[in-house]
Amino acid sequence: TYSYRSKDASKKCTKCISLEKLRDQFETEKARLMQSMFELRTEKIRLEEELDIVKDADREKAMTLRQIHDQHQREMHSLKRSSAAENRKQLEEMRQIERRVMDKEKELSRKNKRLSQMEVSKEELQDKLNEQKLTERINLSMSMIDLNSSFSPVSTPVCILYNVHTFTWAC
């Protein structure tokens, strides 16, 4: 029985030593894990703070972009209004210029028509004048013939109108 007990006691001692080693390993592992957890928690807190900083920066950047966008929209609206007003003004100026051009064209047309009428009248008057001169010359010729015939019954030079347009006489 003694041997049985000594085997049991030695088994118990070996178990105790193994158990102590396991406990030591467990404690070592536990301490290592606790240290790792502490480091991870510290890293997590640092990363969360960094994330908060980045989020704040993103919010500020988004707010700045919204303000820039709003300002841009206001400027675009203002430019559209001013360009529309400028376009209307230029269009009105063009219409006024077109009206003036049309008025000048009408006036020029009237003057051209009047000038044509005057040229026709001038030609008619010139023709009448030419006829008048021709008639006067013929009358003058006739009266000279009459005078000549009364002075010299024998030989009377007779003058004949040779060319009406240039008033060339042939005697």
N, C-alpha and C. Protein backbone atom coordinates (compact mmCIF):
# COMPACT_ATOMS: atom_id res chain seq x y z
N THR A 1 0.80 -1.18 0.00
CA THR A 1 0.00 0.00 0.00
C THR A 1 0.86 1.27 0.00
N TYR A 2 2.02 1.10 0.69
CA TYR A 2 2.87 2.25 0.75
C TYR A 2 3.34 2.67 -0.63
N SER A 3 3.67 1.75 -1.38
CA SER A 3 4.15 2.04 -2.72
C SER A 3 3.02 2.67 -3.58
N TYR A 4 1.87 2.17 -3.27
CA TYR A 4 0.75 2.71 -3.99
C TYR A 4 0.58 4.17 -3.64
N ARG A 5 0.78 4.46 -2.38
CA ARG A 5 0.65 5.83 -1.95
C ARG A 5 1.80 6.66 -2.43
N SER A 6 2.94 6.17 -2.46
CA SER A 6 4.07 6.95 -2.91
C SER A 6 3.95 7.25 -4.40
N LYS A 7 3.40 6.30 -5.12
CA LYS A 7 3.16 6.56 -6.55
C LYS A 7 2.11 7.65 -6.66
N ASP A 8 1.10 7.54 -5.80
CA ASP A 8 0.04 8.56 -5.81
C ASP A 8 0.61 9.91 -5.41
N ALA A 9 1.42 9.93 -4.41
CA ALA A 9 2.00 11.16 -3.92
C ALA A 9 2.94 11.73 -4.97
N SER A 10 3.69 10.85 -5.61
CA SER A 10 4.60 11.35 -6.63
C SER A 10 3.82 11.86 -7.83
N LYS A 11 2.71 11.17 -8.11
CA LYS A 11 1.85 11.64 -9.21
C LYS A 11 1.26 12.98 -8.84
N LYS A 12 0.87 13.09 -7.54
CA LYS A 12 0.27 14.35 -7.10
C LYS A 12 1.32 15.44 -7.15
N CYS A 13 2.51 15.16 -6.79
CA CYS A 13 3.58 16.16 -6.80
C CYS A 13 3.90 16.57 -8.23
N THR A 14 3.95 15.59 -9.10
CA THR A 14 4.21 15.88 -10.50
C THR A 14 3.07 16.72 -11.06
N LYS A 15 1.87 16.35 -10.64
CA LYS A 15 0.70 17.12 -11.07
C LYS A 15 0.77 18.52 -10.51
N CYS A 16 1.23 18.65 -9.26
CA CYS A 16 1.34 19.98 -8.64
C CYS A 16 2.37 20.82 -9.38
N ILE A 17 3.47 20.17 -9.73
CA ILE A 17 4.53 20.90 -10.43
C ILE A 17 4.02 21.31 -11.81
N SER A 18 3.35 20.39 -12.46
CA SER A 18 2.78 20.69 -13.79
C SER A 18 1.75 21.79 -13.67
N LEU A 19 0.98 21.66 -12.61
CA LEU A 19 -0.06 22.65 -12.39
C LEU A 19 0.57 24.02 -12.13
N GLU A 20 1.64 24.06 -11.38
CA GLU A 20 2.35 25.30 -11.09
C GLU A 20 2.94 25.88 -12.37
N LYS A 21 3.50 24.99 -13.19
CA LYS A 21 4.05 25.46 -14.47
C LYS A 21 2.94 26.03 -15.35
N LEU A 22 1.83 25.32 -15.36
CA LEU A 22 0.69 25.79 -16.16
C LEU A 22 0.19 27.12 -15.64
N ARG A 23 0.15 27.21 -14.29
CA ARG A 23 -0.29 28.47 -13.70
C ARG A 23 0.68 29.59 -14.06
N ASP A 24 1.94 29.31 -13.97
CA ASP A 24 2.94 30.32 -14.33
C ASP A 24 2.82 30.71 -15.81
N GLN A 25 2.65 29.70 -16.64
CA GLN A 25 2.48 29.96 -18.08
C GLN A 25 1.20 30.77 -18.32
N PHE A 26 0.17 30.35 -17.57
CA PHE A 26 -1.12 31.05 -17.68
C PHE A 26 -0.95 32.50 -17.25
N GLU A 27 -0.30 32.72 -16.14
CA GLU A 27 -0.10 34.08 -15.62
C GLU A 27 0.76 34.89 -16.59
N THR A 28 1.77 34.25 -17.12
CA THR A 28 2.64 34.94 -18.09
C THR A 28 1.82 35.31 -19.35
N GLU A 29 1.08 34.30 -19.82
CA GLU A 29 0.24 34.53 -21.00
C GLU A 29 -0.81 35.60 -20.70
N LYS A 30 -1.37 35.53 -19.49
CA LYS A 30 -2.39 36.50 -19.08
C LYS A 30 -1.78 37.90 -19.05
N ALA A 31 -0.60 38.02 -18.48
CA ALA A 31 0.07 39.32 -18.40
C ALA A 31 0.39 39.85 -19.80
N ARG A 32 0.86 38.93 -20.66
CA ARG A 32 1.17 39.33 -22.03
C ARG A 32 -0.10 39.80 -22.75
N LEU A 33 -1.19 39.04 -22.55
CA LEU A 33 -2.46 39.39 -23.17
C LEU A 33 -3.01 40.70 -22.60
N MET A 34 -2.87 40.88 -21.31
CA MET A 34 -3.32 42.12 -20.66
C MET A 34 -2.53 43.31 -21.22
N GLN A 35 -1.21 43.12 -21.35
CA GLN A 35 -0.37 44.17 -21.93
C GLN A 35 -0.78 44.46 -23.36
N SER A 36 -1.06 43.41 -24.09
CA SER A 36 -1.50 43.56 -25.50
C SER A 36 -2.84 44.28 -25.56
N MET A 37 -3.76 43.91 -24.65
CA MET A 37 -5.06 44.58 -24.59
C MET A 37 -4.89 46.06 -24.26
N PHE A 38 -3.99 46.35 -23.30
CA PHE A 38 -3.74 47.73 -22.93
C PHE A 38 -3.20 48.52 -24.13
N GLU A 39 -2.23 47.90 -24.83
CA GLU A 39 -1.68 48.55 -26.02
C GLU A 39 -2.74 48.74 -27.10
N LEU A 40 -3.60 47.74 -27.27
CA LEU A 40 -4.66 47.84 -28.27
C LEU A 40 -5.66 48.92 -27.89
N ARG A 41 -6.03 48.99 -26.58
CA ARG A 41 -6.95 50.03 -26.12
C ARG A 41 -6.33 51.41 -26.34
N THR A 42 -5.05 51.54 -26.03
CA THR A 42 -4.35 52.81 -26.23
C THR A 42 -4.34 53.18 -27.71
N GLU A 43 -4.03 52.18 -28.55
CA GLU A 43 -4.02 52.41 -30.00
C GLU A 43 -5.42 52.77 -30.51
N LYS A 44 -6.44 52.09 -29.95
CA LYS A 44 -7.82 52.37 -30.33
C LYS A 44 -8.19 53.81 -29.97
N ILE A 45 -7.84 54.25 -28.78
CA ILE A 45 -8.14 55.62 -28.34
C ILE A 45 -7.42 56.62 -29.25
N ARG A 46 -6.14 56.33 -29.55
CA ARG A 46 -5.37 57.22 -30.45
C ARG A 46 -6.02 57.29 -31.83
N LEU A 47 -6.44 56.14 -32.35
CA LEU A 47 -7.08 56.09 -33.68
C LEU A 47 -8.44 56.79 -33.67
N GLU A 48 -9.19 56.63 -32.57
CA GLU A 48 -10.49 57.31 -32.47
C GLU A 48 -10.30 58.82 -32.43
N GLU A 49 -9.27 59.28 -31.70
CA GLU A 49 -8.99 60.71 -31.66
C GLU A 49 -8.57 61.21 -33.04
N GLU A 50 -7.74 60.42 -33.72
CA GLU A 50 -7.33 60.77 -35.08
C GLU A 50 -8.54 60.82 -36.01
N LEU A 51 -9.43 59.82 -35.85
CA LEU A 51 -10.65 59.77 -36.66
C LEU A 51 -11.52 61.00 -36.40
N ASP A 52 -11.64 61.39 -35.14
CA ASP A 52 -12.42 62.58 -34.80
C ASP A 52 -11.82 63.83 -35.45
N ILE A 53 -10.49 63.91 -35.43
CA ILE A 53 -9.81 65.05 -36.05
C ILE A 53 -10.08 65.07 -37.56
N VAL A 54 -9.98 63.89 -38.18
CA VAL A 54 -10.21 63.79 -39.63
C VAL A 54 -11.68 64.11 -39.95
N LYS A 55 -12.60 63.60 -39.11
CA LYS A 55 -14.03 63.89 -39.32
C LYS A 55 -14.29 65.39 -39.21
N ASP A 56 -13.69 66.03 -38.18
CA ASP A 56 -13.85 67.48 -38.03
C ASP A 56 -13.31 68.22 -39.25
N ALA A 57 -12.14 67.77 -39.70
CA ALA A 57 -11.55 68.41 -40.89
C ALA A 57 -12.46 68.21 -42.11
N ASP A 58 -13.01 67.01 -42.25
CA ASP A 58 -13.92 66.73 -43.36
C ASP A 58 -15.19 67.59 -43.26
N ARG A 59 -15.72 67.74 -42.04
CA ARG A 59 -16.90 68.58 -41.86
C ARG A 59 -16.59 70.03 -42.24
N GLU A 60 -15.43 70.53 -41.78
CA GLU A 60 -15.04 71.90 -42.12
C GLU A 60 -14.84 72.04 -43.62
N LYS A 61 -14.21 71.04 -44.23
CA LYS A 61 -13.98 71.07 -45.67
C LYS A 61 -15.32 71.04 -46.42
N ALA A 62 -16.25 70.19 -45.97
CA ALA A 62 -17.58 70.11 -46.59
C ALA A 62 -18.32 71.43 -46.43
N MET A 63 -18.21 72.04 -45.25
CA MET A 63 -18.86 73.32 -45.01
C MET A 63 -18.26 74.39 -45.92
N THR A 64 -16.94 74.39 -46.03
CA THR A 64 -16.25 75.35 -46.91
C THR A 64 -16.68 75.14 -48.35
N LEU A 65 -16.73 73.89 -48.77
CA LEU A 65 -17.16 73.58 -50.14
C LEU A 65 -18.61 74.02 -50.39
N ARG A 66 -19.49 73.82 -49.40
CA ARG A 66 -20.87 74.28 -49.54
C ARG A 66 -20.92 75.80 -49.67
N GLN A 67 -20.12 76.49 -48.84
CA GLN A 67 -20.09 77.95 -48.92
C GLN A 67 -19.57 78.41 -50.28
N ILE A 68 -18.50 77.75 -50.75
CA ILE A 68 -17.94 78.10 -52.06
C ILE A 68 -18.97 77.82 -53.15
N HIS A 69 -19.66 76.69 -53.04
CA HIS A 69 -20.69 76.33 -54.02
C HIS A 69 -21.82 77.36 -54.01
N ASP A 70 -22.26 77.72 -52.81
CA ASP A 70 -23.34 78.72 -52.70
C ASP A 70 -22.90 80.06 -53.28
N GLN A 71 -21.67 80.46 -52.96
CA GLN A 71 -21.13 81.71 -53.51
C GLN A 71 -21.06 81.64 -55.03
N HIS A 72 -20.61 80.50 -55.53
CA HIS A 72 -20.52 80.30 -56.98
C HIS A 72 -21.91 80.39 -57.62
N GLN A 73 -22.90 79.77 -56.99
CA GLN A 73 -24.27 79.82 -57.50
C GLN A 73 -24.79 81.26 -57.52
N ARG A 74 -24.50 82.01 -56.46
CA ARG A 74 -24.93 83.41 -56.42
C ARG A 74 -24.26 84.21 -57.54
N GLU A 75 -22.95 83.99 -57.72
CA GLU A 75 -22.24 84.70 -58.78
C GLU A 75 -22.78 84.32 -60.16
N MET A 76 -23.05 83.03 -60.36
CA MET A 76 -23.60 82.58 -61.64
C MET A 76 -24.96 83.23 -61.89
N HIS A 77 -25.79 83.26 -60.87
CA HIS A 77 -27.11 83.88 -61.00
C HIS A 77 -26.97 85.36 -61.34
N SER A 78 -26.06 86.02 -60.65
CA SER A 78 -25.82 87.44 -60.90
C SER A 78 -25.30 87.65 -62.33
N LEU A 79 -24.37 86.81 -62.77
CA LEU A 79 -23.84 86.92 -64.13
C LEU A 79 -24.93 86.67 -65.17
N LYS A 80 -25.79 85.69 -64.90
CA LYS A 80 -26.88 85.41 -65.84
C LYS A 80 -27.80 86.62 -65.95
N ARG A 81 -28.13 87.21 -64.78
CA ARG A 81 -29.01 88.38 -64.80
C ARG A 81 -28.37 89.53 -65.56
N SER A 82 -27.09 89.80 -65.25
CA SER A 82 -26.42 90.93 -65.90
C SER A 82 -26.22 90.67 -67.39
N SER A 83 -25.89 89.43 -67.76
CA SER A 83 -25.71 89.14 -69.19
C SER A 83 -27.04 89.20 -69.92
N ALA A 84 -28.12 88.77 -69.28
CA ALA A 84 -29.44 88.86 -69.90
C ALA A 84 -29.81 90.34 -70.11
N ALA A 85 -29.53 91.16 -69.10
CA ALA A 85 -29.82 92.59 -69.23
C ALA A 85 -28.95 93.20 -70.34
N GLU A 86 -27.70 92.81 -70.38
CA GLU A 86 -26.78 93.31 -71.42
C GLU A 86 -27.26 92.87 -72.80
N ASN A 87 -27.70 91.62 -72.90
CA ASN A 87 -28.22 91.11 -74.18
C ASN A 87 -29.45 91.89 -74.62
N ARG A 88 -30.36 92.14 -73.68
CA ARG A 88 -31.55 92.92 -74.02
C ARG A 88 -31.17 94.33 -74.49
N LYS A 89 -30.21 94.94 -73.79
CA LYS A 89 -29.76 96.28 -74.15
C LYS A 89 -29.15 96.28 -75.55
N GLN A 90 -28.28 95.30 -75.83
CA GLN A 90 -27.66 95.22 -77.15
C GLN A 90 -28.68 94.93 -78.24
N LEU A 91 -29.65 94.08 -77.92
CA LEU A 91 -30.71 93.78 -78.88
C LEU A 91 -31.51 95.02 -79.20
N GLU A 92 -31.83 95.81 -78.19
CA GLU A 92 -32.56 97.05 -78.40
C GLU A 92 -31.73 98.03 -79.23
N GLU A 93 -30.43 98.11 -78.95
CA GLU A 93 -29.56 98.98 -79.74
C GLU A 93 -29.53 98.53 -81.21
N MET A 94 -29.47 97.21 -81.41
CA MET A 94 -29.47 96.69 -82.78
C MET A 94 -30.78 97.02 -83.49
N ARG A 95 -31.89 96.91 -82.78
CA ARG A 95 -33.19 97.25 -83.37
C ARG A 95 -33.24 98.72 -83.76
N GLN A 96 -32.71 99.57 -82.86
CA GLN A 96 -32.70 101.00 -83.17
C GLN A 96 -31.83 101.28 -84.40
N ILE A 97 -30.69 100.61 -84.47
CA ILE A 97 -29.81 100.79 -85.63
C ILE A 97 -30.51 100.31 -86.89
N GLU A 98 -31.19 99.16 -86.80
CA GLU A 98 -31.92 98.64 -87.96
C GLU A 98 -33.00 99.63 -88.40
N ARG A 99 -33.71 100.20 -87.42
CA ARG A 99 -34.75 101.19 -87.76
C ARG A 99 -34.13 102.40 -88.46
N ARG A 100 -32.99 102.87 -87.92
CA ARG A 100 -32.32 104.01 -88.54
C ARG A 100 -31.86 103.67 -89.96
N VAL A 101 -31.32 102.47 -90.13
CA VAL A 101 -30.87 102.04 -91.46
C VAL A 101 -32.06 101.98 -92.41
N MET A 102 -33.17 101.41 -91.94
CA MET A 102 -34.36 101.33 -92.79
C MET A 102 -34.86 102.73 -93.15
N ASP A 103 -34.86 103.64 -92.17
CA ASP A 103 -35.28 105.01 -92.43
C ASP A 103 -34.36 105.66 -93.47
N LYS A 104 -33.05 105.45 -93.31
CA LYS A 104 -32.09 106.02 -94.27
C LYS A 104 -32.29 105.40 -95.65
N GLU A 105 -32.56 104.09 -95.70
CA GLU A 105 -32.81 103.45 -97.00
C GLU A 105 -34.06 104.02 -97.65
N LYS A 106 -35.12 104.23 -96.85
CA LYS A 106 -36.34 104.83 -97.39
C LYS A 106 -36.06 106.24 -97.91
N GLU A 107 -35.33 107.00 -97.11
CA GLU A 107 -35.00 108.37 -97.50
C GLU A 107 -34.17 108.35 -98.79
N LEU A 108 -33.20 107.45 -98.86
CA LEU A 108 -32.36 107.34 -100.05
C LEU A 108 -33.21 106.92 -101.25
N SER A 109 -34.13 106.01 -101.04
CA SER A 109 -35.01 105.58 -102.12
C SER A 109 -35.87 106.75 -102.62
N ARG A 110 -36.41 107.51 -101.67
CA ARG A 110 -37.20 108.69 -102.06
C ARG A 110 -36.35 109.69 -102.84
N LYS A 111 -35.13 109.91 -102.36
CA LYS A 111 -34.24 110.86 -103.04
C LYS A 111 -33.87 110.34 -104.44
N ASN A 112 -33.61 109.04 -104.54
CA ASN A 112 -33.29 108.46 -105.85
C ASN A 112 -34.48 108.60 -106.80
N LYS A 113 -35.66 108.34 -106.27
CA LYS A 113 -36.87 108.47 -107.09
C LYS A 113 -37.03 109.92 -107.54
N ARG A 114 -36.86 110.83 -106.60
CA ARG A 114 -36.97 112.26 -106.91
C ARG A 114 -35.91 112.66 -107.92
N LEU A 115 -34.68 112.13 -107.76
CA LEU A 115 -33.60 112.43 -108.68
C LEU A 115 -33.93 111.90 -110.07
N SER A 116 -34.49 110.69 -110.13
CA SER A 116 -34.90 110.13 -111.43
C SER A 116 -35.96 111.01 -112.07
N GLN A 117 -36.92 111.42 -111.25
CA GLN A 117 -37.96 112.30 -111.78
C GLN A 117 -37.37 113.61 -112.28
N MET A 118 -36.42 114.13 -111.53
CA MET A 118 -35.80 115.40 -111.93
C MET A 118 -34.98 115.21 -113.22
N GLU A 119 -34.31 114.07 -113.33
CA GLU A 119 -33.55 113.80 -114.56
C GLU A 119 -34.49 113.70 -115.75
N VAL A 120 -35.62 113.00 -115.55
CA VAL A 120 -36.61 112.90 -116.62
C VAL A 120 -37.12 114.30 -116.97
N SER A 121 -37.44 115.09 -115.94
CA SER A 121 -37.91 116.45 -116.17
C SER A 121 -36.84 117.27 -116.88
N LYS A 122 -35.59 117.09 -116.46
CA LYS A 122 -34.48 117.83 -117.08
C LYS A 122 -34.37 117.45 -118.54
N GLU A 123 -34.46 116.15 -118.84
CA GLU A 123 -34.38 115.71 -120.22
C GLU A 123 -35.54 116.28 -121.03
N GLU A 124 -36.74 116.26 -120.45
CA GLU A 124 -37.90 116.81 -121.14
C GLU A 124 -37.70 118.30 -121.39
N LEU A 125 -37.20 119.01 -120.34
CA LEU A 125 -36.96 120.44 -120.50
C LEU A 125 -35.87 120.70 -121.53
N GLN A 126 -34.83 119.85 -121.52
CA GLN A 126 -33.75 119.99 -122.48
C GLN A 126 -34.30 119.78 -123.90
N ASP A 127 -35.15 118.76 -124.05
CA ASP A 127 -35.76 118.51 -125.36
C ASP A 127 -36.61 119.71 -125.78
N LYS A 128 -37.39 120.24 -124.85
CA LYS A 128 -38.22 121.40 -125.16
C LYS A 128 -37.35 122.60 -125.55
N LEU A 129 -36.25 122.76 -124.79
CA LEU A 129 -35.33 123.86 -125.07
C LEU A 129 -34.73 123.69 -126.46
N ASN A 130 -34.31 122.49 -126.75
CA ASN A 130 -33.73 122.21 -128.06
C ASN A 130 -34.75 122.48 -129.17
N GLU A 131 -35.98 122.05 -128.93
CA GLU A 131 -37.04 122.31 -129.90
C GLU A 131 -37.27 123.81 -130.07
N GLN A 132 -37.24 124.50 -128.93
CA GLN A 132 -37.44 125.94 -128.93
C GLN A 132 -36.33 126.61 -129.74
N LYS A 133 -35.09 126.20 -129.49
CA LYS A 133 -33.96 126.78 -130.22
C LYS A 133 -34.09 126.47 -131.71
N LEU A 134 -34.46 125.24 -131.99
CA LEU A 134 -34.61 124.86 -133.39
C LEU A 134 -35.70 125.69 -134.06
N THR A 135 -36.77 125.83 -133.34
CA THR A 135 -37.87 126.62 -133.88
C THR A 135 -37.42 128.06 -134.10
N GLU A 136 -36.69 128.61 -133.15
CA GLU A 136 -36.19 129.98 -133.29
C GLU A 136 -35.25 130.11 -134.47
N ARG A 137 -34.37 129.15 -134.63
CA ARG A 137 -33.42 129.19 -135.75
C ARG A 137 -34.17 129.07 -137.09
N ILE A 138 -35.14 128.16 -137.07
CA ILE A 138 -35.91 128.00 -138.31
C ILE A 138 -36.64 129.30 -138.62
N ASN A 139 -37.24 129.85 -137.58
CA ASN A 139 -37.94 131.12 -137.77
C ASN A 139 -36.98 132.21 -138.21
N LEU A 140 -35.81 132.21 -137.59
CA LEU A 140 -34.80 133.19 -137.97
C LEU A 140 -34.38 132.98 -139.42
N SER A 141 -34.19 131.74 -139.78
CA SER A 141 -33.82 131.41 -141.17
C SER A 141 -34.91 131.86 -142.13
N MET A 142 -36.10 131.57 -141.74
CA MET A 142 -37.22 131.92 -142.60
C MET A 142 -37.32 133.44 -142.75
N SER A 143 -37.10 134.11 -141.65
CA SER A 143 -37.17 135.55 -141.74
C SER A 143 -36.00 136.09 -142.54
N MET A 144 -34.86 135.44 -142.48
CA MET A 144 -33.72 135.87 -143.31
C MET A 144 -34.03 135.59 -144.78
N ILE A 145 -34.66 134.49 -145.02
CA ILE A 145 -35.02 134.17 -146.40
C ILE A 145 -36.01 135.22 -146.91
N ASP A 146 -36.94 135.55 -146.06
CA ASP A 146 -37.91 136.56 -146.43
C ASP A 146 -37.22 137.91 -146.68
N LEU A 147 -36.27 138.22 -145.83
CA LEU A 147 -35.55 139.48 -145.99
C LEU A 147 -34.71 139.44 -147.27
N ASN A 148 -34.07 138.34 -147.47
CA ASN A 148 -33.23 138.20 -148.66
C ASN A 148 -34.10 138.25 -149.93
N SER A 149 -35.21 137.65 -149.87
CA SER A 149 -36.06 137.64 -151.07
C SER A 149 -36.59 139.05 -151.35
N SER A 150 -36.77 139.85 -150.35
CA SER A 150 -37.26 141.18 -150.59
C SER A 150 -36.16 142.08 -151.13
N PHE A 151 -34.91 141.79 -150.80
CA PHE A 151 -33.81 142.62 -151.30
C PHE A 151 -33.33 142.17 -152.66
N SER A 152 -33.21 140.90 -152.84
CA SER A 152 -32.63 140.43 -154.09
C SER A 152 -33.49 139.31 -154.64
N PRO A 153 -34.26 139.62 -155.62
CA PRO A 153 -35.14 138.61 -156.15
C PRO A 153 -34.42 137.61 -157.03
N VAL A 154 -33.22 137.85 -157.40
CA VAL A 154 -32.55 136.98 -158.36
C VAL A 154 -31.94 135.77 -157.68
N SER A 155 -31.00 135.98 -156.79
CA SER A 155 -30.37 134.80 -156.19
C SER A 155 -30.46 134.90 -154.67
N THR A 156 -31.10 133.94 -154.12
CA THR A 156 -31.29 133.92 -152.67
C THR A 156 -30.67 132.64 -152.13
N PRO A 157 -29.74 132.81 -151.22
CA PRO A 157 -29.20 131.59 -150.63
C PRO A 157 -30.24 130.96 -149.69
N VAL A 158 -30.36 129.68 -149.78
CA VAL A 158 -31.33 128.97 -148.95
C VAL A 158 -30.54 128.16 -147.93
N CYS A 159 -30.91 128.37 -146.69
CA CYS A 159 -30.24 127.63 -145.60
C CYS A 159 -31.19 126.53 -145.14
N ILE A 160 -30.64 125.35 -145.04
CA ILE A 160 -31.44 124.20 -144.64
C ILE A 160 -30.79 123.60 -143.38
N LEU A 161 -31.63 123.24 -142.46
CA LEU A 161 -31.14 122.60 -141.24
C LEU A 161 -30.69 121.20 -141.62
N TYR A 162 -29.38 120.96 -141.42
CA TYR A 162 -28.80 119.70 -141.86
C TYR A 162 -28.92 118.63 -140.78
N ASN A 163 -28.56 118.97 -139.57
CA ASN A 163 -28.61 118.01 -138.46
C ASN A 163 -29.30 118.69 -137.28
N VAL A 164 -30.40 118.12 -136.84
CA VAL A 164 -31.20 118.75 -135.80
C VAL A 164 -30.47 118.75 -134.47
N HIS A 165 -29.79 117.65 -134.13
CA HIS A 165 -29.15 117.53 -132.81
C HIS A 165 -27.93 118.41 -132.64
N THR A 166 -27.16 118.57 -133.70
CA THR A 166 -25.97 119.41 -133.57
C THR A 166 -26.22 120.79 -134.13
N PHE A 167 -27.38 121.02 -134.68
CA PHE A 167 -27.79 122.30 -135.29
C PHE A 167 -26.79 122.74 -136.35
N THR A 168 -26.54 121.87 -137.28
CA THR A 168 -25.66 122.19 -138.39
C THR A 168 -26.53 122.67 -139.56
N TRP A 169 -26.13 123.74 -140.10
CA TRP A 169 -26.91 124.32 -141.21
C TRP A 169 -26.15 124.17 -142.51
N ALA A 170 -26.89 123.95 -143.51
CA ALA A 170 -26.27 123.92 -144.85
C ALA A 170 -26.96 124.99 -145.69
N CYS A 171 -26.14 125.84 -146.28
CA CYS A 171 -26.70 126.94 -147.07
C CYS A 171 -26.42 126.70 -148.53
